[in-house]
Every structure is written in structure tokens, then in C-alpha cells.
């Protein structure tokens, strides 16, 4: 997944706060590696937690359970050609009018992230199944050395 959701300087600061909170909760020293501690706590790194929140809201939009103001921001992509990807919904990525902040908005980042998801995650039948498979796959992407899981 691309890392264009939020500026690295902000995620780095938030990650340091999360690391301090994890160290405080588990009483480990500052010099010890934090990755396994975050994994034991079932905490995604900040960047991947943002991905999770955006993708979960997108799932709610596509299933009609999101607020209207979010639903108005997302459009499904309608292809003129029949593609193999028609079994799951792709979203239209709008053009950005500003170079810096345009790609950071929910309207732009949600379709990009959704379209990058693996098919089996998009096809999740229920909210719980989607959340479980998404979180496991995000843990894998965060290099927690977990095998990806499909819901099919």
C-alpha cells in the first residue's frame, strides 16, 4: 500500500507517542525493541491504523451504513469493458486540484486504498469478517510476520 495518507512527520510523532504508551503499559525499557510489544498488544502501527480506519469507513459507505456526508464523497467506478475485477467494486479516484492536500483527503485516499485491497478482503460478507481479515492483512503489511488470511 502506498504511504500517501498523512505526512511522515506527523505519523512519526504519533508513532513515538504510541511506542511510549506501549512501553508504559508493558514496563519495558526504552532500549528494547517495540515491534513485538505492539504485536502482543494487538496494536497496529499508527500509519496502518489510519489505513484501517479509512478502509473500514469505506466498507461502511459501500454497505450503506455510513453517514450521508461520507457516502457523498465516494463513487463506484463503472467500466465500459467487462473485467475480471467486476466481482468486487472498484472506486473512482477523483482528480486532485491541490498538489499537497488533495491526495490526503478521505475522498481521494479512500478509493486509492480500497482499490489496492486484495479481492478476498473486498468480498467479505459481514462487517466482522471484513474487520478481522483487514486487520490480519494490515498486521502482515506492518511486518509482524503473519500469514495473510482470506475470508473466502
C-alpha atoms as a PDB file:
ATOM      1  CA  UNK A   1       0.000   0.000   0.000  1.00  0.00           C
ATOM      2  CA  UNK A   2       1.183   3.472  -0.752  1.00  0.00           C
ATOM      3  CA  UNK A   3       2.048   5.768   2.115  1.00  0.00           C
ATOM      4  CA  UNK A   4       0.339   8.955   0.990  1.00  0.00           C
ATOM      5  CA  UNK A   5      -2.374   9.295   3.607  1.00  0.00           C
ATOM      6  CA  UNK A   6      -0.655  11.585   6.072  1.00  0.00           C
ATOM      7  CA  UNK A   7       2.632  13.407   6.271  1.00  0.00           C
ATOM      8  CA  UNK A   8       5.513  11.282   7.634  1.00  0.00           C
ATOM      9  CA  UNK A   9       6.472  13.932  10.188  1.00  0.00           C
ATOM     10  CA  UNK A  10       3.029  13.661  11.797  1.00  0.00           C
ATOM     11  CA  UNK A  11       2.885   9.861  11.759  1.00  0.00           C
ATOM     12  CA  UNK A  12       6.393   9.665  13.211  1.00  0.00           C
ATOM     13  CA  UNK A  13       5.369  11.842  16.155  1.00  0.00           C
ATOM     14  CA  UNK A  14       2.195   9.859  16.720  1.00  0.00           C
ATOM     15  CA  UNK A  15       4.172   6.619  16.457  1.00  0.00           C
ATOM     16  CA  UNK A  16       6.546   7.820  19.163  1.00  0.00           C
ATOM     17  CA  UNK A  17       3.574   8.541  21.421  1.00  0.00           C
ATOM     18  CA  UNK A  18       2.145   5.070  20.739  1.00  0.00           C
ATOM     19  CA  UNK A  19       5.535   3.481  21.451  1.00  0.00           C
ATOM     20  CA  UNK A  20       5.790   5.354  24.761  1.00  0.00           C
ATOM     21  CA  UNK A  21       2.285   4.243  25.718  1.00  0.00           C
ATOM     22  CA  UNK A  22       3.167   0.631  24.901  1.00  0.00           C
ATOM     23  CA  UNK A  23       6.357   0.851  26.950  1.00  0.00           C
ATOM     24  CA  UNK A  24       4.441   2.368  29.851  1.00  0.00           C
ATOM     25  CA  UNK A  25       1.788  -0.372  29.750  1.00  0.00           C
ATOM     26  CA  UNK A  26       4.253  -3.250  29.482  1.00  0.00           C
ATOM     27  CA  UNK A  27       7.050  -1.717  31.607  1.00  0.00           C
ATOM     28  CA  UNK A  28       9.798  -2.410  29.087  1.00  0.00           C
ATOM     29  CA  UNK A  29      12.901  -0.263  28.859  1.00  0.00           C
ATOM     30  CA  UNK A  30      13.417   2.344  26.186  1.00  0.00           C
ATOM     31  CA  UNK A  31      16.245   0.424  24.512  1.00  0.00           C
ATOM     32  CA  UNK A  32      14.180  -2.733  23.904  1.00  0.00           C
ATOM     33  CA  UNK A  33      12.567  -3.335  20.522  1.00  0.00           C
ATOM     34  CA  UNK A  34       8.936  -2.176  20.384  1.00  0.00           C
ATOM     35  CA  UNK A  35       7.629  -4.168  17.387  1.00  0.00           C
ATOM     36  CA  UNK A  36       6.890  -7.370  19.304  1.00  0.00           C
ATOM     37  CA  UNK A  37       5.327  -5.371  22.146  1.00  0.00           C
ATOM     38  CA  UNK A  38       2.912  -3.689  19.730  1.00  0.00           C
ATOM     39  CA  UNK A  39       2.094  -7.075  18.246  1.00  0.00           C
ATOM     40  CA  UNK A  40       1.402  -8.626  21.673  1.00  0.00           C
ATOM     41  CA  UNK A  41      -0.883  -5.689  22.479  1.00  0.00           C
ATOM     42  CA  UNK A  42      -2.626  -6.160  19.082  1.00  0.00           C
ATOM     43  CA  UNK A  43      -1.827  -2.569  18.192  1.00  0.00           C
ATOM     44  CA  UNK A  44      -1.242  -1.644  14.584  1.00  0.00           C
ATOM     45  CA  UNK A  45       1.428   0.989  13.923  1.00  0.00           C
ATOM     46  CA  UNK A  46      -0.106   4.448  13.526  1.00  0.00           C
ATOM     47  CA  UNK A  47       0.141   4.530   9.736  1.00  0.00           C
ATOM     48  CA  UNK A  48      -1.624   1.181   9.390  1.00  0.00           C
ATOM     49  CA  UNK A  49      -4.239   2.175  11.973  1.00  0.00           C
ATOM     50  CA  UNK A  50      -5.079   5.106   9.705  1.00  0.00           C
ATOM     51  CA  UNK A  51      -5.400   2.700   6.779  1.00  0.00           C
ATOM     52  CA  UNK A  52      -7.697   0.505   8.886  1.00  0.00           C
ATOM     53  CA  UNK A  53      -9.965   3.417   9.834  1.00  0.00           C
ATOM     54  CA  UNK A  54     -10.218   4.716   6.266  1.00  0.00           C
ATOM     55  CA  UNK A  55     -10.907   1.258   4.812  1.00  0.00           C
ATOM     56  CA  UNK A  56     -13.480   0.479   7.499  1.00  0.00           C
ATOM     57  CA  UNK A  57     -15.339   3.730   6.765  1.00  0.00           C
ATOM     58  CA  UNK A  58     -15.177   2.891   3.048  1.00  0.00           C
ATOM     59  CA  UNK A  59     -16.661  -0.544   3.755  1.00  0.00           C
ATOM     60  CA  UNK A  60     -19.481   1.135   5.668  1.00  0.00           C
ATOM     61  CA  UNK A  61     -20.077   3.546   2.761  1.00  0.00           C
ATOM     62  CA  UNK A  62     -20.329   0.678   0.270  1.00  0.00           C
ATOM     63  CA  UNK A  63     -22.729  -1.229   2.525  1.00  0.00           C
ATOM     64  CA  UNK A  64     -24.977   1.765   3.190  1.00  0.00           C
ATOM     65  CA  UNK A  65     -24.237   2.117   6.909  1.00  0.00           C
ATOM     66  CA  UNK A  66     -22.051   5.248   6.780  1.00  0.00           C
ATOM     67  CA  UNK A  67     -23.280   8.801   7.281  1.00  0.00           C
ATOM     68  CA  UNK A  68     -24.568  10.547   4.170  1.00  0.00           C
ATOM     69  CA  UNK A  69     -21.784  13.114   4.161  1.00  0.00           C
ATOM     70  CA  UNK A  70     -19.248  10.295   3.704  1.00  0.00           C
ATOM     71  CA  UNK A  71     -21.377   8.429   1.179  1.00  0.00           C
ATOM     72  CA  UNK A  72     -21.491  11.546  -0.989  1.00  0.00           C
ATOM     73  CA  UNK A  73     -17.687  11.536  -1.246  1.00  0.00           C
ATOM     74  CA  UNK A  74     -17.309   8.013  -2.682  1.00  0.00           C
ATOM     75  CA  UNK A  75     -18.263   6.921  -6.197  1.00  0.00           C
ATOM     76  CA  UNK A  76     -18.045   3.426  -7.653  1.00  0.00           C
ATOM     77  CA  UNK A  77     -16.043   3.002 -10.826  1.00  0.00           C
ATOM     78  CA  UNK A  78     -18.113   1.828 -13.781  1.00  0.00           C
ATOM     79  CA  UNK A  79     -16.050   0.202 -16.515  1.00  0.00           C
ATOM     80  CA  UNK A  80     -17.184   0.051 -20.118  1.00  0.00           C
ATOM     81  CA  UNK A  81     -15.420  -3.257 -20.542  1.00  0.00           C
ATOM     82  CA  UNK A  82     -16.282  -6.408 -18.633  1.00  0.00           C
ATOM     83  CA  UNK A  83     -13.309  -7.110 -16.435  1.00  0.00           C
ATOM     84  CA  UNK A  84     -12.417  -9.925 -14.102  1.00  0.00           C
ATOM     85  CA  UNK A  85     -12.439  -7.373 -11.286  1.00  0.00           C
ATOM     86  CA  UNK A  86     -16.187  -6.808 -11.696  1.00  0.00           C
ATOM     87  CA  UNK A  87     -16.863  -9.371  -8.965  1.00  0.00           C
ATOM     88  CA  UNK A  88     -15.896  -6.707  -6.414  1.00  0.00           C
ATOM     89  CA  UNK A  89     -16.401  -2.980  -6.512  1.00  0.00           C
ATOM     90  CA  UNK A  90     -13.681  -0.609  -7.564  1.00  0.00           C
ATOM     91  CA  UNK A  91     -13.980   3.035  -6.622  1.00  0.00           C
ATOM     92  CA  UNK A  92     -13.363   6.070  -8.788  1.00  0.00           C
ATOM     93  CA  UNK A  93     -10.336   8.075  -7.679  1.00  0.00           C
ATOM     94  CA  UNK A  94     -11.081  11.785  -8.142  1.00  0.00           C
ATOM     95  CA  UNK A  95      -8.551  14.180  -9.588  1.00  0.00           C
ATOM     96  CA  UNK A  96      -6.790  16.311  -7.037  1.00  0.00           C
ATOM     97  CA  UNK A  97      -6.770  20.066  -7.530  1.00  0.00           C
ATOM     98  CA  UNK A  98      -4.087  20.745  -4.934  1.00  0.00           C
ATOM     99  CA  UNK A  99      -0.716  19.064  -5.017  1.00  0.00           C
ATOM    100  CA  UNK A 100      -0.177  18.711  -1.274  1.00  0.00           C
ATOM    101  CA  UNK A 101      -3.527  18.274   0.447  1.00  0.00           C
ATOM    102  CA  UNK A 102      -5.702  16.844  -2.327  1.00  0.00           C
ATOM    103  CA  UNK A 103      -4.435  13.268  -2.020  1.00  0.00           C
ATOM    104  CA  UNK A 104      -4.720  13.324   1.764  1.00  0.00           C
ATOM    105  CA  UNK A 105      -8.489  13.857   1.851  1.00  0.00           C
ATOM    106  CA  UNK A 106     -10.874  10.982   2.554  1.00  0.00           C
ATOM    107  CA  UNK A 107     -12.405  11.483  -0.880  1.00  0.00           C
ATOM    108  CA  UNK A 108      -9.064  10.758  -2.582  1.00  0.00           C
ATOM    109  CA  UNK A 109      -7.338   8.353  -0.193  1.00  0.00           C
ATOM    110  CA  UNK A 110     -10.287   6.008   0.450  1.00  0.00           C
ATOM    111  CA  UNK A 111     -10.709   4.959  -3.210  1.00  0.00           C
ATOM    112  CA  UNK A 112      -6.952   4.514  -3.641  1.00  0.00           C
ATOM    113  CA  UNK A 113      -6.650   2.281  -0.594  1.00  0.00           C
ATOM    114  CA  UNK A 114      -9.827   0.349  -1.439  1.00  0.00           C
ATOM    115  CA  UNK A 115      -8.699  -0.357  -4.991  1.00  0.00           C
ATOM    116  CA  UNK A 116      -5.375  -1.702  -3.684  1.00  0.00           C
ATOM    117  CA  UNK A 117      -7.053  -4.226  -1.386  1.00  0.00           C
ATOM    118  CA  UNK A 118      -6.897  -7.888  -2.236  1.00  0.00           C
ATOM    119  CA  UNK A 119     -10.108  -9.285  -3.724  1.00  0.00           C
ATOM    120  CA  UNK A 120     -10.836 -11.621  -0.821  1.00  0.00           C
ATOM    121  CA  UNK A 121     -10.911  -8.703   1.608  1.00  0.00           C
ATOM    122  CA  UNK A 122     -13.312  -6.708  -0.568  1.00  0.00           C
ATOM    123  CA  UNK A 123     -15.664  -9.685  -0.807  1.00  0.00           C
ATOM    124  CA  UNK A 124     -16.137 -10.062   2.946  1.00  0.00           C
ATOM    125  CA  UNK A 125     -19.779 -10.806   3.665  1.00  0.00           C
ATOM    126  CA  UNK A 126     -20.080  -9.221   7.093  1.00  0.00           C
ATOM    127  CA  UNK A 127     -18.586  -6.317   8.961  1.00  0.00           C
ATOM    128  CA  UNK A 128     -16.874  -8.615  11.461  1.00  0.00           C
ATOM    129  CA  UNK A 129     -15.349 -10.765   8.710  1.00  0.00           C
ATOM    130  CA  UNK A 130     -14.087  -7.662   6.896  1.00  0.00           C
ATOM    131  CA  UNK A 131     -12.540  -6.172  10.040  1.00  0.00           C
ATOM    132  CA  UNK A 132     -10.849  -9.430  11.006  1.00  0.00           C
ATOM    133  CA  UNK A 133      -9.330 -10.119   7.591  1.00  0.00           C
ATOM    134  CA  UNK A 134      -8.341  -6.490   7.083  1.00  0.00           C
ATOM    135  CA  UNK A 135      -6.597  -6.248  10.438  1.00  0.00           C
ATOM    136  CA  UNK A 136      -4.698  -9.508   9.923  1.00  0.00           C
ATOM    137  CA  UNK A 137      -3.542  -8.378   6.491  1.00  0.00           C
ATOM    138  CA  UNK A 138      -2.503  -4.973   7.833  1.00  0.00           C
ATOM    139  CA  UNK A 139      -0.530  -6.712  10.579  1.00  0.00           C
ATOM    140  CA  UNK A 140       1.214  -8.673   7.823  1.00  0.00           C
ATOM    141  CA  UNK A 141       1.977  -5.497   5.882  1.00  0.00           C
ATOM    142  CA  UNK A 142       3.373  -3.949   9.057  1.00  0.00           C
ATOM    143  CA  UNK A 143       5.984  -6.757   9.039  1.00  0.00           C
ATOM    144  CA  UNK A 144       4.629  -8.644  12.020  1.00  0.00           C
ATOM    145  CA  UNK A 145       5.343 -11.883  10.101  1.00  0.00           C
ATOM    146  CA  UNK A 146       1.781 -13.211   9.978  1.00  0.00           C
ATOM    147  CA  UNK A 147       0.316 -15.157   7.083  1.00  0.00           C
ATOM    148  CA  UNK A 148      -2.449 -13.256   5.243  1.00  0.00           C
ATOM    149  CA  UNK A 149      -5.949 -14.608   5.718  1.00  0.00           C
ATOM    150  CA  UNK A 150      -8.791 -14.681   3.238  1.00  0.00           C
ATOM    151  CA  UNK A 151     -12.463 -14.710   4.087  1.00  0.00           C
ATOM    152  CA  UNK A 152     -13.442 -16.897   1.141  1.00  0.00           C
END
